[in-house]
Amino acid sequence: MPSAAELQELLDVSFDFDVDLPQLAELRIRLEQARWLEDVQLASSDQNSLTLDDMRRLIDSGVGLAPYPAVEKAMAKLQELLTVSEHWDDKARNLIKAR
């Protein structure tokens, strides 16, 4: 998938034309997907600072996106990471309570 910057540039160029191109709607959808994927990649680049709330926010913002293989793969990975992280968070809380 092209980067969000490349897709935005294409959309910007399309405004110079005084015609309505049917592909523009698809281009806008791809731009939303690319921006979300870049947000996920940026947040995931430093997993030490990725919080449960960050993961939930990314999942919530990605749920409304149109289906696309890269989006679905990133969403599945995020969901798995959130599930595992919540499990460990629960375990840690239980251990703290047991002390």
PDB file of N, CA and C in Angstrom:
ATOM      1  N   MET A   1       0.846  -1.171   0.000  1.00  0.00           N
ATOM      2  CA  MET A   1       0.000   0.000   0.000  1.00  0.00           C
ATOM      3  C   MET A   1       0.895   1.238   0.000  1.00  0.00           C
ATOM      4  N   PRO A   2       0.551   2.225  -0.825  1.00  0.00           N
ATOM      5  CA  PRO A   2       1.316   3.477  -0.821  1.00  0.00           C
ATOM      6  C   PRO A   2       1.194   4.177   0.530  1.00  0.00           C
ATOM      7  N   SER A   3       2.126   5.056   0.807  1.00  0.00           N
ATOM      8  CA  SER A   3       2.101   5.782   2.080  1.00  0.00           C
ATOM      9  C   SER A   3       0.955   6.793   2.078  1.00  0.00           C
ATOM     10  N   ALA A   4       0.609   7.240   3.272  1.00  0.00           N
ATOM     11  CA  ALA A   4      -0.443   8.249   3.404  1.00  0.00           C
ATOM     12  C   ALA A   4      -0.046   9.533   2.677  1.00  0.00           C
ATOM     13  N   ALA A   5       1.227   9.885   2.736  1.00  0.00           N
ATOM     14  CA  ALA A   5       1.695  11.104   2.066  1.00  0.00           C
ATOM     15  C   ALA A   5       1.520  11.003   0.550  1.00  0.00           C
ATOM     16  N   GLU A   6       1.832   9.832  -0.007  1.00  0.00           N
ATOM     17  CA  GLU A   6       1.670   9.641  -1.456  1.00  0.00           C
ATOM     18  C   GLU A   6       0.197   9.708  -1.857  1.00  0.00           C
ATOM     19  N   LEU A   7      -0.652   9.081  -1.068  1.00  0.00           N
ATOM     20  CA  LEU A   7      -2.083   9.110  -1.370  1.00  0.00           C
ATOM     21  C   LEU A   7      -2.645  10.519  -1.228  1.00  0.00           C
ATOM     22  N   GLN A   8      -2.200  11.235  -0.201  1.00  0.00           N
ATOM     23  CA  GLN A   8      -2.660  12.613  -0.009  1.00  0.00           C
ATOM     24  C   GLN A   8      -2.215  13.485  -1.178  1.00  0.00           C
ATOM     25  N   GLU A   9      -1.004  13.256  -1.655  1.00  0.00           N
ATOM     26  CA  GLU A   9      -0.503  14.018  -2.802  1.00  0.00           C
ATOM     27  C   GLU A   9      -1.360  13.762  -4.039  1.00  0.00           C
ATOM     28  N   LEU A  10      -1.735  12.511  -4.259  1.00  0.00           N
ATOM     29  CA  LEU A  10      -2.610  12.192  -5.394  1.00  0.00           C
ATOM     30  C   LEU A  10      -3.958  12.898  -5.265  1.00  0.00           C
ATOM     31  N   LEU A  11      -4.510  12.887  -4.060  1.00  0.00           N
ATOM     32  CA  LEU A  11      -5.784  13.580  -3.850  1.00  0.00           C
ATOM     33  C   LEU A  11      -5.632  15.079  -4.078  1.00  0.00           C
ATOM     34  N   ASP A  12      -4.548  15.648  -3.593  1.00  0.00           N
ATOM     35  CA  ASP A  12      -4.310  17.081  -3.784  1.00  0.00           C
ATOM     36  C   ASP A  12      -4.205  17.432  -5.266  1.00  0.00           C
ATOM     37  N   VAL A  13      -3.510  16.593  -6.017  1.00  0.00           N
ATOM     38  CA  VAL A  13      -3.366  16.821  -7.459  1.00  0.00           C
ATOM     39  C   VAL A  13      -4.722  16.710  -8.149  1.00  0.00           C
ATOM     40  N   SER A  14      -5.560  15.791  -7.670  1.00  0.00           N
ATOM     41  CA  SER A  14      -6.867  15.593  -8.304  1.00  0.00           C
ATOM     42  C   SER A  14      -7.749  16.833  -8.174  1.00  0.00           C
ATOM     43  N   PHE A  15      -7.527  17.643  -7.138  1.00  0.00           N
ATOM     44  CA  PHE A  15      -8.330  18.852  -6.969  1.00  0.00           C
ATOM     45  C   PHE A  15      -7.995  19.904  -8.023  1.00  0.00           C
ATOM     46  N   ASP A  16      -6.831  19.777  -8.659  1.00  0.00           N
ATOM     47  CA  ASP A  16      -6.454  20.708  -9.719  1.00  0.00           C
ATOM     48  C   ASP A  16      -7.281  20.483 -10.983  1.00  0.00           C
ATOM     49  N   PHE A  17      -7.827  19.284 -11.111  1.00  0.00           N
ATOM     50  CA  PHE A  17      -8.668  18.968 -12.267  1.00  0.00           C
ATOM     51  C   PHE A  17     -10.105  19.319 -11.925  1.00  0.00           C
ATOM     52  N   ASP A  18     -10.802  19.826 -12.876  1.00  0.00           N
ATOM     53  CA  ASP A  18     -12.188  20.215 -12.628  1.00  0.00           C
ATOM     54  C   ASP A  18     -13.136  19.116 -13.101  1.00  0.00           C
ATOM     55  N   VAL A  19     -12.814  17.887 -12.725  1.00  0.00           N
ATOM     56  CA  VAL A  19     -13.669  16.749 -13.072  1.00  0.00           C
ATOM     57  C   VAL A  19     -13.830  15.876 -11.832  1.00  0.00           C
ATOM     58  N   ASP A  20     -14.911  15.135 -11.816  1.00  0.00           N
ATOM     59  CA  ASP A  20     -15.150  14.218 -10.706  1.00  0.00           C
ATOM     60  C   ASP A  20     -14.728  12.820 -11.144  1.00  0.00           C
ATOM     61  N   LEU A  21     -13.644  12.347 -10.567  1.00  0.00           N
ATOM     62  CA  LEU A  21     -13.132  11.031 -10.919  1.00  0.00           C
ATOM     63  C   LEU A  21     -13.726   9.984  -9.982  1.00  0.00           C
ATOM     64  N   PRO A  22     -14.264   8.901 -10.530  1.00  0.00           N
ATOM     65  CA  PRO A  22     -14.870   7.874  -9.672  1.00  0.00           C
ATOM     66  C   PRO A  22     -13.861   7.210  -8.733  1.00  0.00           C
ATOM     67  N   GLN A  23     -12.592   7.236  -9.080  1.00  0.00           N
ATOM     68  CA  GLN A  23     -11.560   6.609  -8.251  1.00  0.00           C
ATOM     69  C   GLN A  23     -11.247   7.412  -6.990  1.00  0.00           C
ATOM     70  N   LEU A  24     -11.696   8.647  -6.914  1.00  0.00           N
ATOM     71  CA  LEU A  24     -11.367   9.487  -5.761  1.00  0.00           C
ATOM     72  C   LEU A  24     -11.940   8.930  -4.462  1.00  0.00           C
ATOM     73  N   ALA A  25     -13.128   8.361  -4.527  1.00  0.00           N
ATOM     74  CA  ALA A  25     -13.726   7.779  -3.320  1.00  0.00           C
ATOM     75  C   ALA A  25     -12.861   6.632  -2.811  1.00  0.00           C
ATOM     76  N   GLU A  26     -12.401   5.794  -3.717  1.00  0.00           N
ATOM     77  CA  GLU A  26     -11.525   4.673  -3.341  1.00  0.00           C
ATOM     78  C   GLU A  26     -10.190   5.195  -2.811  1.00  0.00           C
ATOM     79  N   LEU A  27      -9.703   6.251  -3.403  1.00  0.00           N
ATOM     80  CA  LEU A  27      -8.443   6.851  -2.962  1.00  0.00           C
ATOM     81  C   LEU A  27      -8.570   7.406  -1.537  1.00  0.00           C
ATOM     82  N   ARG A  28      -9.701   8.003  -1.231  1.00  0.00           N
ATOM     83  CA  ARG A  28      -9.932   8.517   0.130  1.00  0.00           C
ATOM     84  C   ARG A  28      -9.971   7.374   1.148  1.00  0.00           C
ATOM     85  N   ILE A  29     -10.594   6.273   0.756  1.00  0.00           N
ATOM     86  CA  ILE A  29     -10.655   5.092   1.630  1.00  0.00           C
ATOM     87  C   ILE A  29      -9.250   4.566   1.888  1.00  0.00           C
ATOM     88  N   ARG A  30      -8.450   4.454   0.833  1.00  0.00           N
ATOM     89  CA  ARG A  30      -7.073   3.968   0.982  1.00  0.00           C
ATOM     90  C   ARG A  30      -6.240   4.931   1.837  1.00  0.00           C
ATOM     91  N   LEU A  31      -6.510   6.219   1.720  1.00  0.00           N
ATOM     92  CA  LEU A  31      -5.792   7.205   2.535  1.00  0.00           C
ATOM     93  C   LEU A  31      -6.097   6.992   4.019  1.00  0.00           C
ATOM     94  N   GLU A  32      -7.358   6.780   4.353  1.00  0.00           N
ATOM     95  CA  GLU A  32      -7.728   6.506   5.750  1.00  0.00           C
ATOM     96  C   GLU A  32      -7.019   5.251   6.255  1.00  0.00           C
ATOM     97  N   GLN A  33      -6.995   4.220   5.421  1.00  0.00           N
ATOM     98  CA  GLN A  33      -6.337   2.969   5.808  1.00  0.00           C
ATOM     99  C   GLN A  33      -4.839   3.181   6.005  1.00  0.00           C
ATOM    100  N   ALA A  34      -4.218   3.901   5.085  1.00  0.00           N
ATOM    101  CA  ALA A  34      -2.774   4.139   5.175  1.00  0.00           C
ATOM    102  C   ALA A  34      -2.431   4.953   6.416  1.00  0.00           C
ATOM    103  N   ARG A  35      -3.241   5.947   6.728  1.00  0.00           N
ATOM    104  CA  ARG A  35      -2.995   6.746   7.938  1.00  0.00           C
ATOM    105  C   ARG A  35      -3.105   5.878   9.187  1.00  0.00           C
ATOM    106  N   TRP A  36      -4.120   5.021   9.229  1.00  0.00           N
ATOM    107  CA  TRP A  36      -4.295   4.144  10.390  1.00  0.00           C
ATOM    108  C   TRP A  36      -3.121   3.177  10.509  1.00  0.00           C
ATOM    109  N   LEU A  37      -2.711   2.591   9.387  1.00  0.00           N
ATOM    110  CA  LEU A  37      -1.576   1.666   9.409  1.00  0.00           C
ATOM    111  C   LEU A  37      -0.303   2.367   9.882  1.00  0.00           C
ATOM    112  N   GLU A  38      -0.111   3.605   9.464  1.00  0.00           N
ATOM    113  CA  GLU A  38       1.057   4.363   9.921  1.00  0.00           C
ATOM    114  C   GLU A  38       0.965   4.661  11.420  1.00  0.00           C
ATOM    115  N   ASP A  39      -0.243   4.949  11.907  1.00  0.00           N
ATOM    116  CA  ASP A  39      -0.427   5.157  13.353  1.00  0.00           C
ATOM    117  C   ASP A  39      -0.084   3.889  14.128  1.00  0.00           C
ATOM    118  N   VAL A  40      -0.533   2.748  13.618  1.00  0.00           N
ATOM    119  CA  VAL A  40      -0.251   1.462  14.267  1.00  0.00           C
ATOM    120  C   VAL A  40       1.247   1.197  14.258  1.00  0.00           C
ATOM    121  N   GLN A  41       1.877   1.427  13.114  1.00  0.00           N
ATOM    122  CA  GLN A  41       3.315   1.187  13.002  1.00  0.00           C
ATOM    123  C   GLN A  41       4.098   2.101  13.950  1.00  0.00           C
ATOM    124  N   LEU A  42       3.710   3.353  14.025  1.00  0.00           N
ATOM    125  CA  LEU A  42       4.388   4.295  14.914  1.00  0.00           C
ATOM    126  C   LEU A  42       4.216   3.881  16.376  1.00  0.00           C
ATOM    127  N   ALA A  43       3.010   3.516  16.750  1.00  0.00           N
ATOM    128  CA  ALA A  43       2.749   3.103  18.133  1.00  0.00           C
ATOM    129  C   ALA A  43       3.469   1.804  18.468  1.00  0.00           C
ATOM    130  N   SER A  44       3.567   0.915  17.503  1.00  0.00           N
ATOM    131  CA  SER A  44       4.193  -0.389  17.733  1.00  0.00           C
ATOM    132  C   SER A  44       5.711  -0.335  17.677  1.00  0.00           C
ATOM    133  N   SER A  45       6.262   0.749  17.166  1.00  0.00           N
ATOM    134  CA  SER A  45       7.718   0.818  17.014  1.00  0.00           C
ATOM    135  C   SER A  45       8.431   0.800  18.363  1.00  0.00           C
ATOM    136  N   ASP A  46       7.779   1.306  19.387  1.00  0.00           N
ATOM    137  CA  ASP A  46       8.351   1.255  20.737  1.00  0.00           C
ATOM    138  C   ASP A  46       7.340   0.566  21.643  1.00  0.00           C
ATOM    139  N   GLN A  47       7.412  -0.760  21.670  1.00  0.00           N
ATOM    140  CA  GLN A  47       6.419  -1.526  22.417  1.00  0.00           C
ATOM    141  C   GLN A  47       6.508  -1.292  23.918  1.00  0.00           C
ATOM    142  N   ASN A  48       7.607  -0.738  24.399  1.00  0.00           N
ATOM    143  CA  ASN A  48       7.721  -0.442  25.826  1.00  0.00           C
ATOM    144  C   ASN A  48       6.809   0.701  26.245  1.00  0.00           C
ATOM    145  N   SER A  49       6.442   1.552  25.298  1.00  0.00           N
ATOM    146  CA  SER A  49       5.573   2.674  25.640  1.00  0.00           C
ATOM    147  C   SER A  49       4.143   2.474  25.139  1.00  0.00           C
ATOM    148  N   LEU A  50       3.857   1.346  24.511  1.00  0.00           N
ATOM    149  CA  LEU A  50       2.516   1.052  24.003  1.00  0.00           C
ATOM    150  C   LEU A  50       1.644   0.578  25.162  1.00  0.00           C
ATOM    151  N   THR A  51       0.633   1.360  25.495  1.00  0.00           N
ATOM    152  CA  THR A  51      -0.218   1.033  26.633  1.00  0.00           C
ATOM    153  C   THR A  51      -1.467   0.279  26.181  1.00  0.00           C
ATOM    154  N   LEU A  52      -2.171  -0.282  27.150  1.00  0.00           N
ATOM    155  CA  LEU A  52      -3.439  -0.946  26.850  1.00  0.00           C
ATOM    156  C   LEU A  52      -4.418   0.053  26.233  1.00  0.00           C
ATOM    157  N   ASP A  53      -4.439   1.259  26.752  1.00  0.00           N
ATOM    158  CA  ASP A  53      -5.329   2.286  26.201  1.00  0.00           C
ATOM    159  C   ASP A  53      -4.959   2.644  24.762  1.00  0.00           C
ATOM    160  N   ASP A  54      -3.660   2.689  24.462  1.00  0.00           N
ATOM    161  CA  ASP A  54      -3.216   2.949  23.087  1.00  0.00           C
ATOM    162  C   ASP A  54      -3.737   1.859  22.152  1.00  0.00           C
ATOM    163  N   MET A  55      -3.601   0.606  22.586  1.00  0.00           N
ATOM    164  CA  MET A  55      -4.064  -0.509  21.758  1.00  0.00           C
ATOM    165  C   MET A  55      -5.571  -0.439  21.545  1.00  0.00           C
ATOM    166  N   ARG A  56      -6.303  -0.164  22.607  1.00  0.00           N
ATOM    167  CA  ARG A  56      -7.771  -0.059  22.491  1.00  0.00           C
ATOM    168  C   ARG A  56      -8.161   1.083  21.555  1.00  0.00           C
ATOM    169  N   ARG A  57      -7.474   2.212  21.676  1.00  0.00           N
ATOM    170  CA  ARG A  57      -7.766   3.369  20.825  1.00  0.00           C
ATOM    171  C   ARG A  57      -7.513   3.042  19.354  1.00  0.00           C
ATOM    172  N   LEU A  58      -6.397   2.381  19.085  1.00  0.00           N
ATOM    173  CA  LEU A  58      -6.078   2.007  17.705  1.00  0.00           C
ATOM    174  C   LEU A  58      -7.094   1.016  17.153  1.00  0.00           C
ATOM    175  N   ILE A  59      -7.476   0.053  17.971  1.00  0.00           N
ATOM    176  CA  ILE A  59      -8.477  -0.926  17.532  1.00  0.00           C
ATOM    177  C   ILE A  59      -9.804  -0.226  17.259  1.00  0.00           C
ATOM    178  N   ASP A  60     -10.223   0.647  18.168  1.00  0.00           N
ATOM    179  CA  ASP A  60     -11.484   1.373  17.983  1.00  0.00           C
ATOM    180  C   ASP A  60     -11.473   2.219  16.715  1.00  0.00           C
ATOM    181  N   SER A  61     -10.357   2.874  16.456  1.00  0.00           N
ATOM    182  CA  SER A  61     -10.291   3.727  15.266  1.00  0.00           C
ATOM    183  C   SER A  61     -10.170   2.911  13.982  1.00  0.00           C
ATOM    184  N   GLY A  62      -9.695   1.677  14.080  1.00  0.00           N
ATOM    185  CA  GLY A  62      -9.561   0.844  12.891  1.00  0.00           C
ATOM    186  C   GLY A  62     -10.784   0.024  12.552  1.00  0.00           C
ATOM    187  N   VAL A  63     -11.699  -0.113  13.505  1.00  0.00           N
ATOM    188  CA  VAL A  63     -12.883  -0.950  13.296  1.00  0.00           C
ATOM    189  C   VAL A  63     -13.742  -0.446  12.143  1.00  0.00           C
ATOM    190  N   GLY A  64     -13.857   0.844  11.985  1.00  0.00           N
ATOM    191  CA  GLY A  64     -14.722   1.397  10.951  1.00  0.00           C
ATOM    192  C   GLY A  64     -14.103   1.468   9.568  1.00  0.00           C
ATOM    193  N   LEU A  65     -12.861   1.047   9.431  1.00  0.00           N
ATOM    194  CA  LEU A  65     -12.198   1.120   8.126  1.00  0.00           C
ATOM    195  C   LEU A  65     -12.713   0.040   7.185  1.00  0.00           C
ATOM    196  N   ALA A  66     -12.654   0.341   5.904  1.00  0.00           N
ATOM    197  CA  ALA A  66     -13.043  -0.640   4.893  1.00  0.00           C
ATOM    198  C   ALA A  66     -12.077  -1.820   4.938  1.00  0.00           C
ATOM    199  N   PRO A  67     -12.569  -3.016   4.658  1.00  0.00           N
ATOM    200  CA  PRO A  67     -11.691  -4.198   4.683  1.00  0.00           C
ATOM    201  C   PRO A  67     -10.537  -4.067   3.688  1.00  0.00           C
ATOM    202  N   TYR A  68      -9.375  -4.473   4.139  1.00  0.00           N
ATOM    203  CA  TYR A  68      -8.173  -4.491   3.304  1.00  0.00           C
ATOM    204  C   TYR A  68      -7.195  -5.432   3.996  1.00  0.00           C
ATOM    205  N   PRO A  69      -6.509  -6.304   3.260  1.00  0.00           N
ATOM    206  CA  PRO A  69      -5.659  -7.317   3.904  1.00  0.00           C
ATOM    207  C   PRO A  69      -4.662  -6.760   4.919  1.00  0.00           C
ATOM    208  N   ALA A  70      -3.981  -5.680   4.599  1.00  0.00           N
ATOM    209  CA  ALA A  70      -2.982  -5.129   5.527  1.00  0.00           C
ATOM    210  C   ALA A  70      -3.646  -4.599   6.796  1.00  0.00           C
ATOM    211  N   VAL A  71      -4.821  -4.008   6.648  1.00  0.00           N
ATOM    212  CA  VAL A  71      -5.558  -3.492   7.805  1.00  0.00           C
ATOM    213  C   VAL A  71      -6.030  -4.652   8.672  1.00  0.00           C
ATOM    214  N   GLU A  72      -6.572  -5.681   8.029  1.00  0.00           N
ATOM    215  CA  GLU A  72      -7.069  -6.841   8.772  1.00  0.00           C
ATOM    216  C   GLU A  72      -5.940  -7.552   9.515  1.00  0.00           C
ATOM    217  N   LYS A  73      -4.781  -7.648   8.884  1.00  0.00           N
ATOM    218  CA  LYS A  73      -3.630  -8.291   9.522  1.00  0.00           C
ATOM    219  C   LYS A  73      -3.161  -7.479  10.731  1.00  0.00           C
ATOM    220  N   ALA A  74      -3.052  -6.165  10.563  1.00  0.00           N
ATOM    221  CA  ALA A  74      -2.625  -5.303  11.669  1.00  0.00           C
ATOM    222  C   ALA A  74      -3.653  -5.326  12.797  1.00  0.00           C
ATOM    223  N   MET A  75      -4.931  -5.359  12.440  1.00  0.00           N
ATOM    224  CA  MET A  75      -5.988  -5.396  13.444  1.00  0.00           C
ATOM    225  C   MET A  75      -5.919  -6.700  14.244  1.00  0.00           C
ATOM    226  N   ALA A  76      -5.707  -7.815  13.563  1.00  0.00           N
ATOM    227  CA  ALA A  76      -5.606  -9.110  14.245  1.00  0.00           C
ATOM    228  C   ALA A  76      -4.400  -9.136  15.182  1.00  0.00           C
ATOM    229  N   LYS A  77      -3.288  -8.589  14.725  1.00  0.00           N
ATOM    230  CA  LYS A  77      -2.081  -8.549  15.553  1.00  0.00           C
ATOM    231  C   LYS A  77      -2.300  -7.676  16.790  1.00  0.00           C
ATOM    232  N   LEU A  78      -2.928  -6.525  16.596  1.00  0.00           N
ATOM    233  CA  LEU A  78      -3.226  -5.634  17.715  1.00  0.00           C
ATOM    234  C   LEU A  78      -4.165  -6.301  18.713  1.00  0.00           C
ATOM    235  N   GLN A  79      -5.199  -6.965  18.193  1.00  0.00           N
ATOM    236  CA  GLN A  79      -6.169  -7.625  19.068  1.00  0.00           C
ATOM    237  C   GLN A  79      -5.496  -8.731  19.877  1.00  0.00           C
ATOM    238  N   GLU A  80      -4.624  -9.484  19.225  1.00  0.00           N
ATOM    239  CA  GLU A  80      -3.896 -10.546  19.925  1.00  0.00           C
ATOM    240  C   GLU A  80      -2.985  -9.954  21.005  1.00  0.00           C
ATOM    241  N   LEU A  81      -2.281  -8.897  20.660  1.00  0.00           N
ATOM    242  CA  LEU A  81      -1.397  -8.236  21.621  1.00  0.00           C
ATOM    243  C   LEU A  81      -2.189  -7.680  22.804  1.00  0.00           C
ATOM    244  N   LEU A  82      -3.351  -7.115  22.527  1.00  0.00           N
ATOM    245  CA  LEU A  82      -4.199  -6.584  23.593  1.00  0.00           C
ATOM    246  C   LEU A  82      -4.684  -7.706  24.508  1.00  0.00           C
ATOM    247  N   THR A  83      -5.114  -8.809  23.923  1.00  0.00           N
ATOM    248  CA  THR A  83      -5.597  -9.939  24.719  1.00  0.00           C
ATOM    249  C   THR A  83      -4.501 -10.475  25.630  1.00  0.00           C
ATOM    250  N   VAL A  84      -3.316 -10.676  25.085  1.00  0.00           N
ATOM    251  CA  VAL A  84      -2.190 -11.180  25.880  1.00  0.00           C
ATOM    252  C   VAL A  84      -1.816 -10.168  26.967  1.00  0.00           C
ATOM    253  N   SER A  85      -1.789  -8.894  26.606  1.00  0.00           N
ATOM    254  CA  SER A  85      -1.422  -7.850  27.567  1.00  0.00           C
ATOM    255  C   SER A  85      -2.441  -7.750  28.695  1.00  0.00           C
ATOM    256  N   GLU A  86      -3.719  -7.850  28.353  1.00  0.00           N
ATOM    257  CA  GLU A  86      -4.755  -7.814  29.387  1.00  0.00           C
ATOM    258  C   GLU A  86      -4.632  -9.014  30.320  1.00  0.00           C
ATOM    259  N   HIS A  87      -4.300 -10.164  29.755  1.00  0.00           N
ATOM    260  CA  HIS A  87      -4.105 -11.370  30.568  1.00  0.00           C
ATOM    261  C   HIS A  87      -2.973 -11.154  31.573  1.00  0.00           C
ATOM    262  N   TRP A  88      -1.846 -10.628  31.099  1.00  0.00           N
ATOM    263  CA  TRP A  88      -0.711 -10.385  31.990  1.00  0.00           C
ATOM    264  C   TRP A  88      -1.018  -9.285  33.004  1.00  0.00           C
ATOM    265  N   ASP A  89      -1.777  -8.296  32.587  1.00  0.00           N
ATOM    266  CA  ASP A  89      -2.175  -7.234  33.505  1.00  0.00           C
ATOM    267  C   ASP A  89      -3.039  -7.810  34.635  1.00  0.00           C
ATOM    268  N   ASP A  90      -3.981  -8.681  34.280  1.00  0.00           N
ATOM    269  CA  ASP A  90      -4.822  -9.337  35.293  1.00  0.00           C
ATOM    270  C   ASP A  90      -3.984 -10.184  36.243  1.00  0.00           C
ATOM    271  N   LYS A  91      -3.037 -10.934  35.679  1.00  0.00           N
ATOM    272  CA  LYS A  91      -2.166 -11.764  36.526  1.00  0.00           C
ATOM    273  C   LYS A  91      -1.369 -10.900  37.504  1.00  0.00           C
ATOM    274  N   ALA A  92      -0.834  -9.806  37.011  1.00  0.00           N
ATOM    275  CA  ALA A  92      -0.044  -8.918  37.866  1.00  0.00           C
ATOM    276  C   ALA A  92      -0.914  -8.324  38.975  1.00  0.00           C
ATOM    277  N   ARG A  93      -2.120  -7.907  38.629  1.00  0.00           N
ATOM    278  CA  ARG A  93      -3.030  -7.351  39.638  1.00  0.00           C
ATOM    279  C   ARG A  93      -3.370  -8.397  40.706  1.00  0.00           C
ATOM    280  N   ASN A  94      -3.608  -9.626  40.278  1.00  0.00           N
ATOM    281  CA  ASN A  94      -3.923 -10.696  41.228  1.00  0.00           C
ATOM    282  C   ASN A  94      -2.745 -10.991  42.149  1.00  0.00           C
ATOM    283  N   LEU A  95      -1.549 -10.966  41.610  1.00  0.00           N
ATOM    284  CA  LEU A  95      -0.364 -11.190  42.438  1.00  0.00           C
ATOM    285  C   LEU A  95      -0.175 -10.066  43.454  1.00  0.00           C
ATOM    286  N   ILE A  96      -0.432  -8.849  43.028  1.00  0.00           N
ATOM    287  CA  ILE A  96      -0.306  -7.713  43.941  1.00  0.00           C
ATOM    288  C   ILE A  96      -1.350  -7.813  45.055  1.00  0.00           C
ATOM    289  N   LYS A  97      -2.568  -8.210  44.700  1.00  0.00           N
ATOM    290  CA  LYS A  97      -3.629  -8.365  45.701  1.00  0.00           C
ATOM    291  C   LYS A  97      -3.302  -9.476  46.693  1.00  0.00           C
ATOM    292  N   ALA A  98      -2.645 -10.522  46.209  1.00  0.00           N
ATOM    293  CA  ALA A  98      -2.340 -11.679  47.055  1.00  0.00           C
ATOM    294  C   ALA A  98      -1.279 -11.361  48.104  1.00  0.00           C
ATOM    295  N   ARG A  99      -0.525 -10.326  47.903  1.00  0.00           N
ATOM    296  CA  ARG A  99       0.545  -9.980  48.856  1.00  0.00           C
ATOM    297  C   ARG A  99      -0.055  -9.408  50.049  1.00  0.00           C
TER     298      ARG A  99
END
